[in-house]
Amino acid sequence: MAYSHDGSVDLAERIVRDAASAGADAISIHITHMPDYMVRDYGTGAGRVSAGKETSPIYDYLCDISLSFDQWERVAAVAREVGLDLVIMPNDGPSLDFAVTLSPDALVVPPACFEEHDFIDAVGRQGTPIYLRVGGATLGEIESVIERLRATGAGAITLLYGHQNYPTSIADTSLRFLECLRNSFGLPVGIADHVDADDDFALMAPLLAIPLGITCIEKHITHDRAKRGEDFESALNGDELARLVTLVRKAEMALGVPHAAGLDASSRKYRGNVRKRLVAARAIAAGETITADALIAKRSDAGVSPAHKALFVGSTARTGIAADQGMAFDLIVGAAP
């Protein structure tokens, strides 16, 4: 359901019940601990939140519409009550620690975390089946994350593909890329499209993907799309999801030959918006030797990739570095080789 609950636990519970009534097999929820997920001054604007919310500071806005861990326990209990599998996407370390207490049937790893090696390893160690979101990631990055998850003991991995701009244009849907993923990695693939829910193609896209060998379909669901809450652009109402489930059970269609393609402009924009960067976990004094616990990966507009964390550990701060300041090589001396 992503943020379709708009911060209301009652609406979240209603969405879960609607999904079950529609015939869905599972409900997927996003759990976030904002202080560990995003720096407070992370930029806002078009493409980062749903239409009509662009002027709100994104940190404050997401805090307002996020559910607490206690509220998520209520939602998880409803999912179990109505017989849905519980799939959880934790966006940060504390959220992962909490998510495992709910005994999820699977965990989702978003591409924003692909280069956050500590987080990927922690997910893998749970031994839980994994849905690996791959929209906005390169084939090389996908391969690297698969290797890390396998090395740390992850359960069965499914690649979940969907173009990440909201809503997705028909031209960007790229259904044939599903076959490329399946052939490249030898793993099950699924679709998580974000087609405009007001367009008839929102029901057609998942059906067209079935002959391409997908094993699962993820679709956003909301309590009332007309209210234009968060993530409304691609979210189906309960009755529409029921119609899709009916069509999926009957679908027999075929598509042409798949092909690989590089990231297009909107995927690159999404990638630039959501990738976590390496920032200071606390204030670091000039001349201080930087330790691993002084660094953290967060969504930020500044900072190098967290993949470079090891180069900073053991180096010396050239100047004072503020908490949440993006880490850059010109801030240190004696970077590790």
Protein backbone atom coordinates (compact mmCIF):
# COMPACT_ATOMS: atom_id res chain seq x y z
CA MET A 1 0.00 0.00 0.00
CA ALA A 2 3.05 2.30 0.28
CA TYR A 3 1.78 5.58 1.81
CA SER A 4 -1.81 5.23 0.58
CA HIS A 5 -2.96 5.18 4.19
CA ASP A 6 -1.97 8.88 4.46
CA GLY A 7 -0.86 8.39 8.05
CA SER A 8 -4.10 6.82 9.30
CA VAL A 9 -3.86 3.38 10.88
CA ASP A 10 -7.62 2.95 10.42
CA LEU A 11 -7.27 3.55 6.68
CA ALA A 12 -4.31 1.17 6.56
CA GLU A 13 -6.41 -1.56 8.17
CA ARG A 14 -9.23 -0.84 5.72
CA ILE A 15 -6.85 -1.14 2.77
CA VAL A 16 -5.63 -4.52 4.04
CA ARG A 17 -9.20 -5.79 4.31
CA ASP A 18 -10.03 -4.44 0.84
CA ALA A 19 -7.00 -6.23 -0.60
CA ALA A 20 -8.11 -9.50 0.95
CA SER A 21 -11.67 -9.02 -0.31
CA ALA A 22 -10.30 -8.38 -3.80
CA GLY A 23 -8.59 -11.76 -3.78
CA ALA A 24 -4.98 -10.65 -3.32
CA ASP A 25 -2.48 -13.13 -1.89
CA ALA A 26 -0.35 -10.68 0.10
CA ILE A 27 -0.12 -7.10 1.32
CA SER A 28 3.13 -5.16 1.02
CA ILE A 29 3.86 -2.37 3.50
CA HIS A 30 6.66 0.22 3.72
CA ILE A 31 8.15 0.84 7.17
CA THR A 32 10.40 3.85 7.73
CA HIS A 33 12.20 5.39 10.71
CA MET A 34 12.67 8.87 9.30
CA PRO A 35 15.74 10.01 11.34
CA ASP A 36 17.69 7.04 9.94
CA TYR A 37 16.23 7.24 6.46
CA MET A 38 16.54 10.84 5.33
CA VAL A 39 18.33 14.05 6.27
CA ARG A 40 15.96 16.76 7.43
CA ASP A 41 16.78 19.19 4.59
CA TYR A 42 16.42 16.59 1.81
CA GLY A 43 15.04 18.43 -1.22
CA THR A 44 11.40 18.47 -2.19
CA GLY A 45 9.69 19.13 -5.51
CA ALA A 46 8.02 17.41 -8.44
CA GLY A 47 8.79 13.71 -8.81
CA ARG A 48 9.56 13.13 -5.13
CA VAL A 49 6.03 13.15 -3.69
CA SER A 50 2.56 12.86 -5.19
CA ALA A 51 1.07 15.70 -7.21
CA GLY A 52 -0.15 18.58 -5.05
CA LYS A 53 2.36 17.92 -2.24
CA GLU A 54 5.45 19.46 -3.89
CA THR A 55 5.65 22.55 -1.67
CA SER A 56 5.83 20.66 1.62
CA PRO A 57 9.27 19.88 3.12
CA ILE A 58 9.49 16.19 2.26
CA TYR A 59 10.95 15.13 5.62
CA ASP A 60 8.14 16.77 7.58
CA TYR A 61 5.52 15.59 5.10
CA LEU A 62 6.60 11.95 5.29
CA CYS A 63 6.80 12.16 9.09
CA ASP A 64 3.20 13.35 9.11
CA ILE A 65 1.97 10.43 7.01
CA SER A 66 4.17 7.67 8.46
CA LEU A 67 2.75 5.10 10.84
CA SER A 68 4.49 4.26 14.10
CA PHE A 69 5.87 0.81 14.84
CA ASP A 70 2.96 0.20 17.25
CA GLN A 71 0.48 1.10 14.51
CA TRP A 72 2.20 -1.24 12.06
CA GLU A 73 1.75 -4.05 14.59
CA ARG A 74 -2.01 -3.42 14.36
CA VAL A 75 -1.89 -3.51 10.56
CA ALA A 76 0.16 -6.71 10.54
CA ALA A 77 -2.34 -8.36 12.87
CA VAL A 78 -5.18 -7.52 10.48
CA ALA A 79 -3.21 -8.99 7.57
CA ARG A 80 -2.83 -12.26 9.48
CA GLU A 81 -6.50 -12.17 10.47
CA VAL A 82 -7.70 -11.93 6.85
CA GLY A 83 -5.23 -14.53 5.59
CA LEU A 84 -2.82 -12.35 3.64
CA ASP A 85 0.91 -12.95 3.49
CA LEU A 86 2.83 -10.04 5.00
CA VAL A 87 5.54 -8.51 2.81
CA ILE A 88 7.57 -5.68 4.34
CA MET A 89 9.91 -3.12 2.79
CA PRO A 90 12.09 -1.64 5.56
CA ASN A 91 13.90 1.51 4.46
CA ASP A 92 16.57 1.69 7.17
CA GLY A 93 18.23 -0.27 9.98
CA PRO A 94 15.75 0.38 12.81
CA SER A 95 12.85 -0.40 10.47
CA LEU A 96 14.48 -3.71 9.53
CA ASP A 97 15.01 -4.60 13.19
CA PHE A 98 11.33 -3.91 13.82
CA ALA A 99 10.12 -5.63 10.66
CA VAL A 100 11.64 -8.97 11.63
CA THR A 101 9.64 -8.93 14.88
CA LEU A 102 6.49 -9.15 12.72
CA SER A 103 7.70 -12.45 11.16
CA PRO A 104 7.19 -11.29 7.56
CA ASP A 105 6.70 -13.83 4.82
CA ALA A 106 9.15 -11.85 2.69
CA LEU A 107 11.22 -8.67 2.77
CA VAL A 108 11.54 -6.12 -0.02
CA VAL A 109 14.84 -4.41 -0.80
CA PRO A 110 14.46 -1.07 -2.64
CA PRO A 111 17.10 0.17 -5.11
CA ALA A 112 17.75 3.17 -2.84
CA CYS A 113 19.64 0.75 -0.56
CA PHE A 114 21.56 -1.26 -3.17
CA GLU A 115 24.92 0.34 -2.36
CA GLU A 116 24.37 0.31 1.41
CA HIS A 117 26.32 -2.88 2.01
CA ASP A 118 25.76 -3.10 5.78
CA PHE A 119 22.00 -2.91 5.26
CA ILE A 120 21.98 -5.47 2.44
CA ASP A 121 24.01 -7.88 4.56
CA ALA A 122 21.62 -7.42 7.50
CA VAL A 123 18.64 -8.18 5.26
CA GLY A 124 20.34 -11.29 3.91
CA ARG A 125 21.11 -12.61 7.39
CA GLN A 126 17.39 -12.83 8.16
CA GLY A 127 17.13 -15.83 5.82
CA THR A 128 13.79 -14.50 4.58
CA PRO A 129 12.57 -14.67 0.96
CA ILE A 130 13.45 -11.44 -0.81
CA TYR A 131 11.68 -9.29 -3.38
CA LEU A 132 14.42 -7.22 -4.98
CA ARG A 133 13.09 -4.03 -6.55
CA VAL A 134 15.22 -3.31 -9.60
CA GLY A 135 13.62 -0.24 -11.22
CA GLY A 136 16.31 2.40 -11.70
CA ALA A 137 19.20 -0.05 -11.17
CA THR A 138 21.76 -1.28 -13.70
CA LEU A 139 22.28 -4.97 -14.44
CA GLY A 140 25.68 -4.81 -12.73
CA GLU A 141 24.18 -3.36 -9.56
CA ILE A 142 21.47 -6.00 -9.52
CA GLU A 143 24.08 -8.75 -9.86
CA SER A 144 26.14 -7.31 -7.01
CA VAL A 145 23.17 -7.16 -4.64
CA ILE A 146 22.11 -10.71 -5.52
CA GLU A 147 25.62 -11.94 -4.69
CA ARG A 148 25.65 -10.14 -1.33
CA LEU A 149 22.22 -11.46 -0.39
CA ARG A 150 23.16 -15.02 -1.29
CA ALA A 151 26.47 -14.77 0.58
CA THR A 152 24.70 -13.70 3.76
CA GLY A 153 22.05 -16.42 3.71
CA ALA A 154 19.00 -14.79 2.13
CA GLY A 155 16.05 -16.93 1.16
CA ALA A 156 14.64 -17.22 -2.37
CA ILE A 157 15.08 -14.03 -4.41
CA THR A 158 12.50 -12.63 -6.84
CA LEU A 159 13.28 -9.64 -9.05
CA LEU A 160 10.46 -7.10 -8.96
CA TYR A 161 10.51 -4.70 -11.90
CA GLY A 162 8.54 -1.55 -12.43
CA HIS A 163 9.36 1.86 -13.83
CA GLN A 164 9.50 4.24 -10.88
CA ASN A 165 8.07 7.51 -12.18
CA TYR A 166 4.51 8.20 -11.00
CA PRO A 167 2.50 7.66 -13.06
CA THR A 168 4.49 5.71 -15.65
CA SER A 169 3.95 6.63 -19.28
CA ILE A 170 2.94 3.78 -21.58
CA ALA A 171 6.18 4.19 -23.54
CA ASP A 172 8.27 3.75 -20.38
CA THR A 173 6.53 0.61 -19.13
CA SER A 174 9.09 -1.67 -20.92
CA LEU A 175 7.39 -5.00 -20.25
CA ARG A 176 9.83 -6.92 -22.43
CA PHE A 177 12.62 -6.07 -20.00
CA LEU A 178 11.08 -8.67 -17.69
CA GLU A 179 12.36 -11.43 -19.97
CA CYS A 180 15.79 -9.84 -20.04
CA LEU A 181 15.94 -9.94 -16.25
CA ARG A 182 14.78 -13.55 -16.09
CA ASN A 183 17.26 -14.67 -18.73
CA SER A 184 20.15 -12.65 -17.26
CA PHE A 185 19.88 -13.86 -13.68
CA GLY A 186 17.92 -17.11 -13.83
CA LEU A 187 15.61 -15.87 -11.09
CA PRO A 188 11.83 -15.49 -10.87
CA VAL A 189 10.60 -12.07 -11.95
CA GLY A 190 7.53 -10.05 -11.08
CA ILE A 191 5.97 -6.77 -12.17
CA ALA A 192 5.25 -3.71 -10.02
CA ASP A 193 3.94 -1.24 -12.58
CA HIS A 194 2.99 2.38 -11.83
CA VAL A 195 0.70 3.11 -14.78
CA ASP A 196 -1.87 5.89 -14.28
CA ALA A 197 -4.71 4.19 -12.40
CA ASP A 198 -7.28 6.24 -14.34
CA ASP A 199 -6.02 4.69 -17.59
CA ASP A 200 -7.44 1.36 -18.79
CA PHE A 201 -3.86 0.24 -19.35
CA ALA A 202 -3.42 0.06 -15.56
CA LEU A 203 -5.29 -3.24 -15.73
CA MET A 204 -3.75 -4.33 -19.02
CA ALA A 205 -0.06 -3.98 -18.15
CA PRO A 206 0.05 -6.81 -15.57
CA LEU A 207 -1.88 -9.07 -17.93
CA LEU A 208 0.57 -8.44 -20.75
CA ALA A 209 3.42 -9.41 -18.42
CA ILE A 210 2.04 -12.85 -17.62
CA PRO A 211 3.20 -14.54 -20.87
CA LEU A 212 6.67 -13.12 -20.18
CA GLY A 213 7.04 -15.53 -17.28
CA ILE A 214 6.29 -13.38 -14.24
CA THR A 215 5.54 -15.14 -10.97
CA CYS A 216 3.99 -12.24 -9.06
CA ILE A 217 2.20 -8.93 -9.58
CA GLU A 218 2.41 -6.01 -7.18
CA LYS A 219 -0.19 -3.28 -7.54
CA HIS A 220 -0.78 -0.19 -5.41
CA ILE A 221 -4.13 -0.07 -3.63
CA THR A 222 -5.77 2.91 -1.94
CA HIS A 223 -8.90 3.59 0.09
CA ASP A 224 -10.24 6.22 -2.37
CA ARG A 225 -8.20 7.49 -5.32
CA ALA A 226 -10.53 10.48 -5.76
CA LYS A 227 -9.19 11.94 -2.51
CA ARG A 228 -5.73 12.24 -4.18
CA GLY A 229 -3.74 11.10 -1.17
CA GLU A 230 -0.08 10.06 -1.32
CA ASP A 231 0.71 7.52 -4.07
CA PHE A 232 -2.78 7.97 -5.56
CA GLU A 233 -1.52 8.25 -9.15
CA SER A 234 -1.02 4.51 -9.63
CA ALA A 235 -3.24 3.09 -6.91
CA LEU A 236 -6.38 1.07 -7.61
CA ASN A 237 -9.50 1.25 -5.49
CA GLY A 238 -10.61 -2.01 -3.90
CA ASP A 239 -13.22 -2.81 -6.56
CA GLU A 240 -10.69 -2.14 -9.33
CA LEU A 241 -8.17 -4.46 -7.70
CA ALA A 242 -10.86 -7.14 -7.53
CA ARG A 243 -11.41 -6.71 -11.27
CA LEU A 244 -7.67 -7.03 -11.91
CA VAL A 245 -7.42 -10.19 -9.82
CA THR A 246 -10.28 -11.69 -11.82
CA LEU A 247 -8.57 -10.78 -15.10
CA VAL A 248 -5.20 -12.12 -13.91
CA ARG A 249 -6.72 -15.48 -13.10
CA LYS A 250 -8.02 -15.71 -16.68
CA ALA A 251 -5.22 -14.06 -18.61
CA GLU A 252 -3.49 -15.83 -21.53
CA MET A 253 -1.57 -13.39 -23.65
CA ALA A 254 1.75 -13.21 -25.46
CA LEU A 255 4.39 -10.55 -26.17
CA GLY A 256 7.42 -10.32 -28.47
CA VAL A 257 11.16 -10.66 -28.03
CA PRO A 258 12.71 -8.94 -24.98
CA HIS A 259 15.69 -6.62 -25.19
CA ALA A 260 18.05 -5.01 -22.72
CA ALA A 261 18.13 -1.25 -22.42
CA GLY A 262 20.13 1.25 -20.42
CA LEU A 263 18.50 3.57 -17.93
CA ASP A 264 16.32 6.21 -19.56
CA ALA A 265 16.09 9.84 -18.43
CA SER A 266 13.25 9.33 -15.94
CA SER A 267 14.96 6.31 -14.35
CA ARG A 268 18.16 8.33 -13.99
CA LYS A 269 16.15 11.12 -12.37
CA TYR A 270 14.54 8.65 -9.97
CA ARG A 271 17.93 7.13 -9.19
CA GLY A 272 19.40 10.55 -8.43
CA ASN A 273 16.45 11.45 -6.22
CA VAL A 274 16.32 8.38 -3.99
CA ARG A 275 19.84 6.97 -3.68
CA LYS A 276 21.30 7.16 -0.21
CA ARG A 277 24.60 8.98 0.24
CA LEU A 278 27.32 8.77 2.86
CA VAL A 279 26.90 11.45 5.55
CA ALA A 280 28.31 12.11 9.01
CA ALA A 281 26.36 10.21 11.67
CA ARG A 282 27.45 12.84 14.20
CA ALA A 283 29.64 15.93 14.36
CA ILE A 284 33.27 15.10 13.54
CA ALA A 285 36.00 17.40 14.82
CA ALA A 286 38.88 18.62 12.65
CA GLY A 287 41.82 16.26 13.11
CA GLU A 288 39.63 13.43 14.39
CA THR A 289 40.24 9.91 13.10
CA ILE A 290 37.02 8.83 11.42
CA THR A 291 35.52 5.56 12.64
CA ALA A 292 32.81 3.44 11.05
CA ASP A 293 30.21 4.53 13.61
CA ALA A 294 30.78 8.17 12.62
CA LEU A 295 29.35 7.46 9.16
CA ILE A 296 25.85 6.54 8.00
CA ALA A 297 24.02 6.18 4.69
CA LYS A 298 20.96 8.42 4.37
CA ARG A 299 18.93 9.96 1.59
CA SER A 300 20.69 13.27 1.06
CA ASP A 301 21.43 15.70 -1.75
CA ALA A 302 25.17 15.67 -0.91
CA GLY A 303 27.73 12.98 -0.17
CA VAL A 304 29.55 10.17 -1.97
CA SER A 305 28.13 6.68 -2.47
CA PRO A 306 28.05 4.57 0.73
CA ALA A 307 30.00 2.00 -1.29
CA HIS A 308 33.05 4.22 -0.54
CA LYS A 309 32.57 4.03 3.23
CA ALA A 310 35.68 1.89 3.75
CA LEU A 311 37.85 4.61 2.18
CA PHE A 312 36.79 7.05 4.90
CA VAL A 313 37.22 4.75 7.89
CA GLY A 314 40.64 5.41 9.41
CA SER A 315 41.15 8.71 7.59
CA THR A 316 41.50 12.08 9.33
CA ALA A 317 38.99 14.90 9.11
CA ARG A 318 40.61 17.87 7.35
CA THR A 319 38.00 20.25 8.80
CA GLY A 320 35.08 20.05 11.18
CA ILE A 321 32.19 18.07 9.70
CA ALA A 322 28.63 18.67 10.88
CA ALA A 323 26.17 15.88 11.63
CA ASP A 324 24.32 14.88 8.43
CA GLN A 325 26.87 16.72 6.26
CA GLY A 326 27.58 14.86 3.04
CA MET A 327 30.98 13.15 3.04
CA ALA A 328 33.42 14.10 0.28
CA PHE A 329 37.05 13.17 -0.29
CA ASP A 330 38.22 16.77 0.06
CA LEU A 331 37.02 16.69 3.69
CA ILE A 332 39.61 14.08 4.69
CA VAL A 333 43.29 13.25 4.49
CA GLY A 334 44.82 9.81 4.42
CA ALA A 335 41.98 7.94 2.74
CA ALA A 336 42.38 4.17 2.87
CA PRO A 337 43.94 2.74 -0.32
